[in-house]
Amino acid sequence: MTLTSTGTRQQINVRVANVTKKFDDVVAVDNLTLEITGGEFLSLLGPSGCGKTTTLRMLGGFEEPSAGSIYFGDRDVTNLPPHQRDVNTVFQSYALFPHLSVTDNIAFGLRRKGVSKSEAKLRVDEMLTLVDLEGRGERKPHQLSGGQQQRVALARALVNKPQLLLLDEPMSALDAKLRKTMQLELKRIQSQVGITFLYVTHDQEEAMTMSDRIVVMNRGRIEGLGSPRDVYEQPSTEFVATFLGASNLVAATLERGTGDVALAHHAHGTFRSPAHRLPPGLTGAVKCGVRPEKIQIRALGDRVAADENSLTGRVLISTFMGVGNQYVVAAPQGEEFVVYAQNSGQTHAPRSGEEVLLTWPVEHSFVVQPSGDQSPEGESS
């Protein structure tokens, strides 16, 4: 059992225990342990080569782990083929049968299971309503748009009511506008059916928009795990801080102290950060950071509040972006800080060359473990 974000207790639906996957000498997934609660939308997020798709394929039964175990509930499914697991998959290509109608595509799995025609029709009609394709059941896939084809693939996977639905970057072929629409639609569908979704993506916005929790993977390991807000606001490593959104990071030496605030000494002085947010055991050389949108750009000489971090710098680039301004500010020691300022029309927009003061609340600072070489080992994703 595990606690959900709402505080209720739910049965763990899927458990990955110390799973490793090797392809010859390449370690694609490295001793991964993960628990997925029933009915949640979990995204595996990371760059190409991080091991996310390999993890999905092991859950689906398309790859066998080199070590470790996979459980659905209390059932060990580690070495079972896909058809013996209560799981369905939506692939990037949708894999629809071009010669079959939408209705027949959706009903395909039901017929293989021997479901009666009357029951199959009822369940297919329910799926057509769920994915907003009523009246299109007799069309062929080539008569549908890309977004509609994706809905058919989703309906075909859901009609069997699997314990787990795997989605392998299913929006990669859609244009940007349609992707945004389908992100909200997919989350709506998942909330309605209550089936556990495991979604693989390299797109941070997709993961942030849809997920109950995000798993950030790098080099076959989990580097970040939590709600979208927690992973973004409190990154655990330098990799997570830079992969999930933009961050300003400065090399520093951490002084944990005994109070509520930790001190990170760096070339510009000292940054303060909430002590309770520090990763366990972190000490010595660190990176201290702040997100660009958390920084306020102010006139040199303005008063700095007691609960704020600050530094001075010179504006190198000032860019108007409609909804706001983006600045690149050079600190005295040469580091460059990016600042996003909302276009509220109430504050002065400094120009290139102007000396400015940067401030942000202590609560918006974070301290992370520095990362080494971020290049992935191998090509498996």
Foldseek 3Di string as FASTA:
>chain_A
DDAAPVGDDFQFFKWWAQFWADDVPATQAGGETDTHGFLFEEEEAEDFSQNQVVVLCQVQQNDATPDTFMDGRNRTCRNPHNVVALEEEQEQVLPFDQVQFLLCRLLVVVVVVVNDPVVSVVLSCVLCVLLVNPPRRGHGPVVDDLSVSSSSSVSSRPSSPGQEYEYEPNCPPPDPVVVVVVLVSVLVSSNVSSHYYYYYDNDLVSCLSRGQKYFYGAQNYTQDIGHSVCCAQQPAAPVSPPSNAHKQKFKFFWDLDDDQWIWTQGPQGIAIAGSVSHDPPDGTIWIKIFHQAQKDKAAPPDDDDPQKDKFKFFWAAWADDPQWIWTWTAGPVGGTGIHTGGPPVPDDRDHGGHIIMIMGGNHRMYIYHYDDDRDHGDRHD
